[in-house]
Amino acid sequence: ICTNTMHRMADQVQAAISLPLLHIADPT
């Protein structure tokens, strides 16, 4: 997700797909 703000729904997005979602906060 190429924006910090829309990581508000990162968990819901991850739950809806079988691919890994790379959360922007983690590598930072």
PDB file of all heavy atoms in Angstrom:
ATOM      1  N   ILE A   1       0.873  -1.161   0.000  1.00  0.00           N
ATOM      2  CA  ILE A   1       0.000   0.000   0.000  1.00  0.00           C
ATOM      3  C   ILE A   1       0.917   1.220   0.000  1.00  0.00           C
ATOM      4  O   ILE A   1       1.648   1.444   0.969  1.00  0.00           O
ATOM      5  CB  ILE A   1      -0.928   0.000   1.226  1.00  0.00           C
ATOM      6  CG1 ILE A   1      -1.826  -1.245   1.228  1.00  0.00           C
ATOM      7  CG2 ILE A   1      -1.759   1.275   1.272  1.00  0.00           C
ATOM      8  CD1 ILE A   1      -2.638  -1.412   2.523  1.00  0.00           C
ATOM      9  N   CYS A   2       0.887   2.001  -1.084  1.00  0.00           N
ATOM     10  CA  CYS A   2       1.880   3.074  -1.274  1.00  0.00           C
ATOM     11  C   CYS A   2       1.449   4.368  -0.591  1.00  0.00           C
ATOM     12  O   CYS A   2       1.477   5.454  -1.194  1.00  0.00           O
ATOM     13  CB  CYS A   2       2.112   3.301  -2.760  1.00  0.00           C
ATOM     14  SG  CYS A   2       2.741   1.854  -3.619  1.00  0.00           S
ATOM     15  N   THR A   3       1.060   4.273   0.663  1.00  0.00           N
ATOM     16  CA  THR A   3       0.664   5.404   1.484  1.00  0.00           C
ATOM     17  C   THR A   3       0.630   4.927   2.921  1.00  0.00           C
ATOM     18  O   THR A   3       0.226   3.797   3.190  1.00  0.00           O
ATOM     19  CB  THR A   3      -0.721   5.938   1.079  1.00  0.00           C
ATOM     20  OG1 THR A   3      -1.277   6.685   2.155  1.00  0.00           O
ATOM     21  CG2 THR A   3      -1.682   4.830   0.745  1.00  0.00           C
ATOM     22  N   ASN A   4       1.071   5.776   3.839  1.00  0.00           N
ATOM     23  CA  ASN A   4       1.022   5.415   5.260  1.00  0.00           C
ATOM     24  C   ASN A   4      -0.408   5.417   5.787  1.00  0.00           C
ATOM     25  O   ASN A   4      -0.827   4.498   6.496  1.00  0.00           O
ATOM     26  CB  ASN A   4       1.870   6.386   6.080  1.00  0.00           C
ATOM     27  CG  ASN A   4       3.349   6.196   5.870  1.00  0.00           C
ATOM     28  OD1 ASN A   4       4.025   5.457   6.571  1.00  0.00           O
ATOM     29  ND2 ASN A   4       3.897   6.887   4.876  1.00  0.00           N
ATOM     30  N   THR A   5      -1.174   6.448   5.429  1.00  0.00           N
ATOM     31  CA  THR A   5      -2.507   6.613   6.005  1.00  0.00           C
ATOM     32  C   THR A   5      -3.397   5.413   5.758  1.00  0.00           C
ATOM     33  O   THR A   5      -4.126   4.958   6.667  1.00  0.00           O
ATOM     34  CB  THR A   5      -3.178   7.881   5.433  1.00  0.00           C
ATOM     35  OG1 THR A   5      -2.410   9.026   5.808  1.00  0.00           O
ATOM     36  CG2 THR A   5      -4.595   8.030   5.945  1.00  0.00           C
ATOM     37  N   MET A   6      -3.347   4.857   4.558  1.00  0.00           N
ATOM     38  CA  MET A   6      -4.258   3.767   4.233  1.00  0.00           C
ATOM     39  C   MET A   6      -3.813   2.421   4.801  1.00  0.00           C
ATOM     40  O   MET A   6      -4.471   1.390   4.578  1.00  0.00           O
ATOM     41  CB  MET A   6      -4.483   3.707   2.727  1.00  0.00           C
ATOM     42  CG  MET A   6      -5.097   4.985   2.170  1.00  0.00           C
ATOM     43  SD  MET A   6      -6.657   5.472   2.964  1.00  0.00           S
ATOM     44  CE  MET A   6      -7.808   4.506   2.007  1.00  0.00           C
ATOM     45  N   HIS A   7      -2.740   2.423   5.579  1.00  0.00           N
ATOM     46  CA  HIS A   7      -2.436   1.243   6.387  1.00  0.00           C
ATOM     47  C   HIS A   7      -3.404   1.125   7.565  1.00  0.00           C
ATOM     48  O   HIS A   7      -3.342   0.156   8.325  1.00  0.00           O
ATOM     49  CB  HIS A   7      -0.981   1.262   6.868  1.00  0.00           C
ATOM     50  CG  HIS A   7      -0.023   0.788   5.801  1.00  0.00           C
ATOM     51  ND1 HIS A   7       0.302   1.546   4.709  1.00  0.00           N
ATOM     52  CD2 HIS A   7       0.651  -0.385   5.657  1.00  0.00           C
ATOM     53  CE1 HIS A   7       1.146   0.874   3.937  1.00  0.00           C
ATOM     54  NE2 HIS A   7       1.367  -0.306   4.494  1.00  0.00           N
ATOM     55  N   ARG A   8      -4.287   2.096   7.700  1.00  0.00           N
ATOM     56  CA  ARG A   8      -5.357   1.998   8.695  1.00  0.00           C
ATOM     57  C   ARG A   8      -6.149   0.704   8.511  1.00  0.00           C
ATOM     58  O   ARG A   8      -6.667   0.138   9.471  1.00  0.00           O
ATOM     59  CB  ARG A   8      -6.289   3.212   8.569  1.00  0.00           C
ATOM     60  CG  ARG A   8      -7.344   3.337   9.649  1.00  0.00           C
ATOM     61  CD  ARG A   8      -8.213   4.555   9.377  1.00  0.00           C
ATOM     62  NE  ARG A   8      -9.015   4.947  10.511  1.00  0.00           N
ATOM     63  CZ  ARG A   8     -10.187   4.402  10.838  1.00  0.00           C
ATOM     64  NH1 ARG A   8     -10.691   3.430  10.102  1.00  0.00           N
ATOM     65  NH2 ARG A   8     -10.862   4.836  11.893  1.00  0.00           N
ATOM     66  N   MET A   9      -6.268   0.256   7.246  1.00  0.00           N
ATOM     67  CA  MET A   9      -7.019  -0.973   6.974  1.00  0.00           C
ATOM     68  C   MET A   9      -6.122  -2.106   6.482  1.00  0.00           C
ATOM     69  O   MET A   9      -6.563  -3.031   5.824  1.00  0.00           O
ATOM     70  CB  MET A   9      -8.130  -0.706   5.964  1.00  0.00           C
ATOM     71  CG  MET A   9      -7.679  -0.198   4.623  1.00  0.00           C
ATOM     72  SD  MET A   9      -7.315   1.581   4.599  1.00  0.00           S
ATOM     73  CE  MET A   9      -8.918   2.309   4.905  1.00  0.00           C
ATOM     74  N   ALA A  10      -4.839  -2.054   6.858  1.00  0.00           N
ATOM     75  CA  ALA A  10      -3.896  -3.075   6.390  1.00  0.00           C
ATOM     76  C   ALA A  10      -4.306  -4.480   6.810  1.00  0.00           C
ATOM     77  O   ALA A  10      -4.194  -5.430   6.030  1.00  0.00           O
ATOM     78  CB  ALA A  10      -2.490  -2.765   6.892  1.00  0.00           C
ATOM     79  N   ASP A  11      -4.777  -4.640   8.034  1.00  0.00           N
ATOM     80  CA  ASP A  11      -5.150  -5.980   8.507  1.00  0.00           C
ATOM     81  C   ASP A  11      -6.319  -6.536   7.704  1.00  0.00           C
ATOM     82  O   ASP A  11      -6.332  -7.733   7.356  1.00  0.00           O
ATOM     83  CB  ASP A  11      -5.500  -5.949   9.992  1.00  0.00           C
ATOM     84  CG  ASP A  11      -4.285  -5.706  10.877  1.00  0.00           C
ATOM     85  OD1 ASP A  11      -3.145  -5.870  10.395  1.00  0.00           O
ATOM     86  OD2 ASP A  11      -4.484  -5.353  12.054  1.00  0.00           O
ATOM     87  N   GLN A  12      -7.292  -5.684   7.388  1.00  0.00           N
ATOM     88  CA  GLN A  12      -8.439  -6.155   6.603  1.00  0.00           C
ATOM     89  C   GLN A  12      -8.029  -6.500   5.178  1.00  0.00           C
ATOM     90  O   GLN A  12      -8.522  -7.479   4.602  1.00  0.00           O
ATOM     91  CB  GLN A  12      -9.543  -5.088   6.579  1.00  0.00           C
ATOM     92  CG  GLN A  12     -10.155  -4.787   7.939  1.00  0.00           C
ATOM     93  CD  GLN A  12      -9.554  -3.558   8.594  1.00  0.00           C
ATOM     94  OE1 GLN A  12      -8.327  -3.422   8.658  1.00  0.00           O
ATOM     95  NE2 GLN A  12     -10.409  -2.652   9.065  1.00  0.00           N
ATOM     96  N   VAL A  13      -7.127  -5.721   4.613  1.00  0.00           N
ATOM     97  CA  VAL A  13      -6.643  -6.008   3.269  1.00  0.00           C
ATOM     98  C   VAL A  13      -5.886  -7.332   3.262  1.00  0.00           C
ATOM     99  O   VAL A  13      -6.096  -8.184   2.391  1.00  0.00           O
ATOM    100  CB  VAL A  13      -5.760  -4.858   2.744  1.00  0.00           C
ATOM    101  CG1 VAL A  13      -5.109  -5.234   1.413  1.00  0.00           C
ATOM    102  CG2 VAL A  13      -6.579  -3.581   2.592  1.00  0.00           C
ATOM    103  N   GLN A  14      -5.011  -7.523   4.246  1.00  0.00           N
ATOM    104  CA  GLN A  14      -4.262  -8.776   4.313  1.00  0.00           C
ATOM    105  C   GLN A  14      -5.180  -9.975   4.443  1.00  0.00           C
ATOM    106  O   GLN A  14      -4.966 -11.028   3.819  1.00  0.00           O
ATOM    107  CB  GLN A  14      -3.273  -8.736   5.483  1.00  0.00           C
ATOM    108  CG  GLN A  14      -2.462 -10.015   5.664  1.00  0.00           C
ATOM    109  CD  GLN A  14      -1.534 -10.316   4.491  1.00  0.00           C
ATOM    110  OE1 GLN A  14      -0.410  -9.887   4.467  1.00  0.00           O
ATOM    111  NE2 GLN A  14      -2.013 -11.059   3.485  1.00  0.00           N
ATOM    112  N   ALA A  15      -6.244  -9.835   5.237  1.00  0.00           N
ATOM    113  CA  ALA A  15      -7.172 -10.951   5.441  1.00  0.00           C
ATOM    114  C   ALA A  15      -7.943 -11.316   4.173  1.00  0.00           C
ATOM    115  O   ALA A  15      -8.439 -12.440   4.050  1.00  0.00           O
ATOM    116  CB  ALA A  15      -8.145 -10.616   6.564  1.00  0.00           C
ATOM    117  N   ALA A  16      -8.021 -10.377   3.219  1.00  0.00           N
ATOM    118  CA  ALA A  16      -8.823 -10.594   2.018  1.00  0.00           C
ATOM    119  C   ALA A  16      -8.030 -11.178   0.854  1.00  0.00           C
ATOM    120  O   ALA A  16      -8.608 -11.494  -0.191  1.00  0.00           O
ATOM    121  CB  ALA A  16      -9.465  -9.273   1.592  1.00  0.00           C
ATOM    122  N   ILE A  17      -6.709 -11.322   1.009  1.00  0.00           N
ATOM    123  CA  ILE A  17      -5.869 -11.856  -0.066  1.00  0.00           C
ATOM    124  C   ILE A  17      -4.971 -12.953   0.481  1.00  0.00           C
ATOM    125  O   ILE A  17      -4.750 -13.055   1.690  1.00  0.00           O
ATOM    126  CB  ILE A  17      -5.016 -10.746  -0.712  1.00  0.00           C
ATOM    127  CG1 ILE A  17      -4.128 -10.038   0.326  1.00  0.00           C
ATOM    128  CG2 ILE A  17      -5.898  -9.745  -1.448  1.00  0.00           C
ATOM    129  CD1 ILE A  17      -3.170  -9.003  -0.264  1.00  0.00           C
ATOM    130  N   SER A  18      -4.448 -13.755  -0.419  1.00  0.00           N
ATOM    131  CA  SER A  18      -3.545 -14.835   0.000  1.00  0.00           C
ATOM    132  C   SER A  18      -2.082 -14.448  -0.135  1.00  0.00           C
ATOM    133  O   SER A  18      -1.197 -15.205   0.268  1.00  0.00           O
ATOM    134  CB  SER A  18      -3.819 -16.096  -0.826  1.00  0.00           C
ATOM    135  OG  SER A  18      -3.613 -15.841  -2.201  1.00  0.00           O
ATOM    136  N   LEU A  19      -1.808 -13.268  -0.692  1.00  0.00           N
ATOM    137  CA  LEU A  19      -0.442 -12.773  -0.840  1.00  0.00           C
ATOM    138  C   LEU A  19       0.015 -12.074   0.427  1.00  0.00           C
ATOM    139  O   LEU A  19      -0.803 -11.541   1.170  1.00  0.00           O
ATOM    140  CB  LEU A  19      -0.366 -11.754  -1.984  1.00  0.00           C
ATOM    141  CG  LEU A  19      -0.996 -12.106  -3.308  1.00  0.00           C
ATOM    142  CD1 LEU A  19      -0.879 -10.928  -4.254  1.00  0.00           C
ATOM    143  CD2 LEU A  19      -0.328 -13.333  -3.884  1.00  0.00           C
ATOM    144  N   PRO A  20       1.325 -12.023   0.680  1.00  0.00           N
ATOM    145  CA  PRO A  20       1.804 -11.204   1.801  1.00  0.00           C
ATOM    146  C   PRO A  20       1.660  -9.723   1.511  1.00  0.00           C
ATOM    147  O   PRO A  20       1.926  -9.266   0.393  1.00  0.00           O
ATOM    148  CB  PRO A  20       3.278 -11.618   1.930  1.00  0.00           C
ATOM    149  CG  PRO A  20       3.663 -12.143   0.587  1.00  0.00           C
ATOM    150  CD  PRO A  20       2.424 -12.762   0.016  1.00  0.00           C
ATOM    151  N   LEU A  21       1.225  -8.967   2.513  1.00  0.00           N
ATOM    152  CA  LEU A  21       1.171  -7.513   2.452  1.00  0.00           C
ATOM    153  C   LEU A  21       2.360  -6.992   3.247  1.00  0.00           C
ATOM    154  O   LEU A  21       2.485  -7.282   4.445  1.00  0.00           O
ATOM    155  CB  LEU A  21      -0.136  -7.006   3.052  1.00  0.00           C
ATOM    156  CG  LEU A  21      -0.276  -5.485   3.182  1.00  0.00           C
ATOM    157  CD1 LEU A  21      -0.479  -4.848   1.811  1.00  0.00           C
ATOM    158  CD2 LEU A  21      -1.445  -5.125   4.098  1.00  0.00           C
ATOM    159  N   LEU A  22       3.227  -6.239   2.600  1.00  0.00           N
ATOM    160  CA  LEU A  22       4.403  -5.682   3.272  1.00  0.00           C
ATOM    161  C   LEU A  22       4.016  -4.369   3.939  1.00  0.00           C
ATOM    162  O   LEU A  22       3.831  -3.354   3.258  1.00  0.00           O
ATOM    163  CB  LEU A  22       5.542  -5.473   2.269  1.00  0.00           C
ATOM    164  CG  LEU A  22       6.825  -4.851   2.816  1.00  0.00           C
ATOM    165  CD1 LEU A  22       7.421  -5.690   3.933  1.00  0.00           C
ATOM    166  CD2 LEU A  22       7.846  -4.652   1.692  1.00  0.00           C
ATOM    167  N   HIS A  23       3.860  -4.385   5.251  1.00  0.00           N
ATOM    168  CA  HIS A  23       3.405  -3.214   6.001  1.00  0.00           C
ATOM    169  C   HIS A  23       4.515  -2.175   6.053  1.00  0.00           C
ATOM    170  O   HIS A  23       5.644  -2.476   6.423  1.00  0.00           O
ATOM    171  CB  HIS A  23       2.993  -3.632   7.414  1.00  0.00           C
ATOM    172  CG  HIS A  23       2.169  -2.619   8.144  1.00  0.00           C
ATOM    173  ND1 HIS A  23       2.666  -1.389   8.525  1.00  0.00           N
ATOM    174  CD2 HIS A  23       0.873  -2.661   8.570  1.00  0.00           C
ATOM    175  CE1 HIS A  23       1.711  -0.712   9.155  1.00  0.00           C
ATOM    176  NE2 HIS A  23       0.614  -1.459   9.183  1.00  0.00           N
ATOM    177  N   ILE A  24       4.185  -0.930   5.739  1.00  0.00           N
ATOM    178  CA  ILE A  24       5.189   0.125   5.630  1.00  0.00           C
ATOM    179  C   ILE A  24       5.904   0.415   6.949  1.00  0.00           C
ATOM    180  O   ILE A  24       7.071   0.812   6.963  1.00  0.00           O
ATOM    181  CB  ILE A  24       4.538   1.408   5.064  1.00  0.00           C
ATOM    182  CG1 ILE A  24       5.592   2.400   4.573  1.00  0.00           C
ATOM    183  CG2 ILE A  24       3.573   2.038   6.066  1.00  0.00           C
ATOM    184  CD1 ILE A  24       5.012   3.549   3.746  1.00  0.00           C
ATOM    185  N   ALA A  25       5.219   0.207   8.070  1.00  0.00           N
ATOM    186  CA  ALA A  25       5.828   0.527   9.366  1.00  0.00           C
ATOM    187  C   ALA A  25       6.909  -0.473   9.764  1.00  0.00           C
ATOM    188  O   ALA A  25       7.827  -0.127  10.517  1.00  0.00           O
ATOM    189  CB  ALA A  25       4.760   0.591  10.458  1.00  0.00           C
ATOM    190  N   ASP A  26       6.816  -1.707   9.281  1.00  0.00           N
ATOM    191  CA  ASP A  26       7.724  -2.750   9.768  1.00  0.00           C
ATOM    192  C   ASP A  26       9.166  -2.561   9.303  1.00  0.00           C
ATOM    193  O   ASP A  26      10.086  -2.553  10.146  1.00  0.00           O
ATOM    194  CB  ASP A  26       7.185  -4.133   9.389  1.00  0.00           C
ATOM    195  CG  ASP A  26       5.899  -4.476  10.124  1.00  0.00           C
ATOM    196  OD1 ASP A  26       5.634  -3.872  11.186  1.00  0.00           O
ATOM    197  OD2 ASP A  26       5.152  -5.341   9.637  1.00  0.00           O
ATOM    198  N   PRO A  27       9.450  -2.412   8.003  1.00  0.00           N
ATOM    199  CA  PRO A  27      10.849  -2.182   7.626  1.00  0.00           C
ATOM    200  C   PRO A  27      11.396  -0.862   8.159  1.00  0.00           C
ATOM    201  O   PRO A  27      12.588  -0.750   8.448  1.00  0.00           O
ATOM    202  CB  PRO A  27      10.823  -2.205   6.092  1.00  0.00           C
ATOM    203  CG  PRO A  27       9.416  -1.934   5.716  1.00  0.00           C
ATOM    204  CD  PRO A  27       8.579  -2.504   6.814  1.00  0.00           C
ATOM    205  N   THR A  28      10.508   0.126   8.326  1.00  0.00           N
ATOM    206  CA  THR A  28      10.942   1.400   8.908  1.00  0.00           C
ATOM    207  C   THR A  28      11.395   1.192  10.348  1.00  0.00           C
ATOM    208  O   THR A  28      12.472   1.656  10.757  1.00  0.00           O
ATOM    209  CB  THR A  28       9.791   2.420   8.847  1.00  0.00           C
ATOM    210  OG1 THR A  28       9.401   2.618   7.481  1.00  0.00           O
ATOM    211  CG2 THR A  28      10.219   3.748   9.457  1.00  0.00           C
TER     212      THR A  28
END
